[in-house]
Amino acid sequence: MDVKVKELIVTAVQDGIELGEMTFVDSGSFYIIDHTGVTDAARGLGVGKKLVAAFVEHAREKAMKVLPLCPFAKAEFEKNSAYADVLYGN
């Protein structure tokens, strides 16, 4: 699975088929995750987790904090203490 962060979207693609996407907003001082979606066929494969993990790495590379407003992303941040360094407000 190939996960890429582009302008304001993170995509997960396998064999040329998009399995999921996560959208975000750049506020200038931090990122806001506003949506995470996975196709029905890819549910249960960990695609959403991979999208969040790739975005966290992107935020670290850019020295940005992340405000996860999307319920899925918010839950991933709450479950994974390794993401605390990029969590907005920490």
C-alpha atoms as a PDB file:
ATOM      1  CA  MET A   1       0.000   0.000   0.000  1.00  0.00           C
ATOM      2  CA  ASP A   2       1.340   3.397  -0.978  1.00  0.00           C
ATOM      3  CA  VAL A   3       0.413   6.250   1.377  1.00  0.00           C
ATOM      4  CA  LYS A   4       1.249   9.766   0.196  1.00  0.00           C
ATOM      5  CA  VAL A   5       0.770  13.218   1.659  1.00  0.00           C
ATOM      6  CA  LYS A   6      -0.063  15.733  -1.065  1.00  0.00           C
ATOM      7  CA  GLU A   7      -1.228  19.320  -0.821  1.00  0.00           C
ATOM      8  CA  LEU A   8      -4.161  19.024   1.600  1.00  0.00           C
ATOM      9  CA  ILE A   9      -4.879  15.305   1.341  1.00  0.00           C
ATOM     10  CA  VAL A  10      -3.326  12.005   2.330  1.00  0.00           C
ATOM     11  CA  THR A  11      -4.182   9.035   0.116  1.00  0.00           C
ATOM     12  CA  ALA A  12      -3.735   5.284   0.412  1.00  0.00           C
ATOM     13  CA  VAL A  13      -3.507   3.482  -2.929  1.00  0.00           C
ATOM     14  CA  GLN A  14      -2.946  -0.185  -3.685  1.00  0.00           C
ATOM     15  CA  ASP A  15      -2.674  -1.611  -7.198  1.00  0.00           C
ATOM     16  CA  GLY A  16      -3.886   1.700  -8.618  1.00  0.00           C
ATOM     17  CA  ILE A  17      -7.041   1.698  -6.493  1.00  0.00           C
ATOM     18  CA  GLU A  18      -7.596   4.372  -3.878  1.00  0.00           C
ATOM     19  CA  LEU A  19      -8.511   2.714  -0.578  1.00  0.00           C
ATOM     20  CA  GLY A  20      -8.809   5.784   1.602  1.00  0.00           C
ATOM     21  CA  GLU A  21      -8.140   9.449   2.096  1.00  0.00           C
ATOM     22  CA  MET A  22      -7.644  11.934   4.863  1.00  0.00           C
ATOM     23  CA  THR A  23      -8.093  15.665   4.371  1.00  0.00           C
ATOM     24  CA  PHE A  24      -6.581  18.448   6.408  1.00  0.00           C
ATOM     25  CA  VAL A  25      -6.344  22.220   6.602  1.00  0.00           C
ATOM     26  CA  ASP A  26      -3.130  24.163   7.102  1.00  0.00           C
ATOM     27  CA  SER A  27      -3.982  26.998   9.506  1.00  0.00           C
ATOM     28  CA  GLY A  28      -0.505  28.447   9.129  1.00  0.00           C
ATOM     29  CA  SER A  29       0.596  27.447  12.606  1.00  0.00           C
ATOM     30  CA  PHE A  30      -0.893  23.941  12.887  1.00  0.00           C
ATOM     31  CA  TYR A  31      -2.732  21.327  10.825  1.00  0.00           C
ATOM     32  CA  ILE A  32      -6.394  20.418  11.309  1.00  0.00           C
ATOM     33  CA  ILE A  33      -7.502  16.913  10.287  1.00  0.00           C
ATOM     34  CA  ASP A  34     -11.118  17.293   9.216  1.00  0.00           C
ATOM     35  CA  HIS A  35     -11.955  14.004   7.480  1.00  0.00           C
ATOM     36  CA  THR A  36     -10.772  10.411   7.212  1.00  0.00           C
ATOM     37  CA  GLY A  37     -12.540   8.020   4.885  1.00  0.00           C
ATOM     38  CA  VAL A  38     -11.911   4.443   3.794  1.00  0.00           C
ATOM     39  CA  THR A  39     -13.714   2.539   1.050  1.00  0.00           C
ATOM     40  CA  ASP A  40     -16.068  -0.220   2.148  1.00  0.00           C
ATOM     41  CA  ALA A  41     -13.828  -2.820   0.505  1.00  0.00           C
ATOM     42  CA  ALA A  42     -10.842  -1.688   2.590  1.00  0.00           C
ATOM     43  CA  ARG A  43     -12.537  -1.543   5.995  1.00  0.00           C
ATOM     44  CA  GLY A  44     -10.738  -3.566   8.643  1.00  0.00           C
ATOM     45  CA  LEU A  45      -7.399  -3.464   6.797  1.00  0.00           C
ATOM     46  CA  GLY A  46      -5.865  -0.696   8.915  1.00  0.00           C
ATOM     47  CA  VAL A  47      -5.969   1.860   6.110  1.00  0.00           C
ATOM     48  CA  GLY A  48      -7.191   4.678   8.365  1.00  0.00           C
ATOM     49  CA  LYS A  49      -4.426   4.001  10.890  1.00  0.00           C
ATOM     50  CA  LYS A  50      -1.840   4.109   8.112  1.00  0.00           C
ATOM     51  CA  LEU A  51      -3.218   7.433   6.876  1.00  0.00           C
ATOM     52  CA  VAL A  52      -2.940   8.945  10.354  1.00  0.00           C
ATOM     53  CA  ALA A  53       0.546   7.497  10.925  1.00  0.00           C
ATOM     54  CA  ALA A  54       1.822   8.881   7.603  1.00  0.00           C
ATOM     55  CA  PHE A  55       0.368  12.290   8.402  1.00  0.00           C
ATOM     56  CA  VAL A  56       1.953  12.335  11.856  1.00  0.00           C
ATOM     57  CA  GLU A  57       5.336  11.708  10.209  1.00  0.00           C
ATOM     58  CA  HIS A  58       4.634  14.539   7.769  1.00  0.00           C
ATOM     59  CA  ALA A  59       3.765  16.885  10.647  1.00  0.00           C
ATOM     60  CA  ARG A  60       6.983  15.948  12.429  1.00  0.00           C
ATOM     61  CA  GLU A  61       9.039  16.641   9.315  1.00  0.00           C
ATOM     62  CA  LYS A  62       7.398  20.071   9.009  1.00  0.00           C
ATOM     63  CA  ALA A  63       7.633  20.769  12.786  1.00  0.00           C
ATOM     64  CA  MET A  64       3.858  21.319  12.897  1.00  0.00           C
ATOM     65  CA  LYS A  65       1.245  20.410  15.492  1.00  0.00           C
ATOM     66  CA  VAL A  66      -1.987  18.592  14.618  1.00  0.00           C
ATOM     67  CA  LEU A  67      -5.546  19.240  15.788  1.00  0.00           C
ATOM     68  CA  PRO A  68      -7.560  16.096  14.966  1.00  0.00           C
ATOM     69  CA  LEU A  69     -11.195  17.188  14.597  1.00  0.00           C
ATOM     70  CA  CYS A  70     -12.190  14.127  12.568  1.00  0.00           C
ATOM     71  CA  PRO A  71     -13.618  11.551  15.028  1.00  0.00           C
ATOM     72  CA  PHE A  72     -11.494   8.697  13.638  1.00  0.00           C
ATOM     73  CA  ALA A  73      -8.244  10.671  13.746  1.00  0.00           C
ATOM     74  CA  LYS A  74      -9.088  11.996  17.214  1.00  0.00           C
ATOM     75  CA  ALA A  75      -9.585   8.437  18.467  1.00  0.00           C
ATOM     76  CA  GLU A  76      -6.245   7.377  16.943  1.00  0.00           C
ATOM     77  CA  PHE A  77      -4.462  10.226  18.728  1.00  0.00           C
ATOM     78  CA  GLU A  78      -6.141   9.234  22.018  1.00  0.00           C
ATOM     79  CA  LYS A  79      -5.107   5.562  21.590  1.00  0.00           C
ATOM     80  CA  ASN A  80      -1.525   6.227  20.529  1.00  0.00           C
ATOM     81  CA  SER A  81       0.642   8.092  23.031  1.00  0.00           C
ATOM     82  CA  ALA A  82       3.463   8.178  20.450  1.00  0.00           C
ATOM     83  CA  TYR A  83       1.503  10.925  18.675  1.00  0.00           C
ATOM     84  CA  ALA A  84       1.514  13.238  21.731  1.00  0.00           C
ATOM     85  CA  ASP A  85       4.512  15.215  20.449  1.00  0.00           C
ATOM     86  CA  VAL A  86       2.506  16.562  17.489  1.00  0.00           C
ATOM     87  CA  LEU A  87      -0.851  16.978  19.240  1.00  0.00           C
ATOM     88  CA  TYR A  88      -1.956  20.624  19.208  1.00  0.00           C
ATOM     89  CA  GLY A  89      -2.250  21.941  22.736  1.00  0.00           C
ATOM     90  CA  ASN A  90       0.540  19.771  24.123  1.00  0.00           C
END
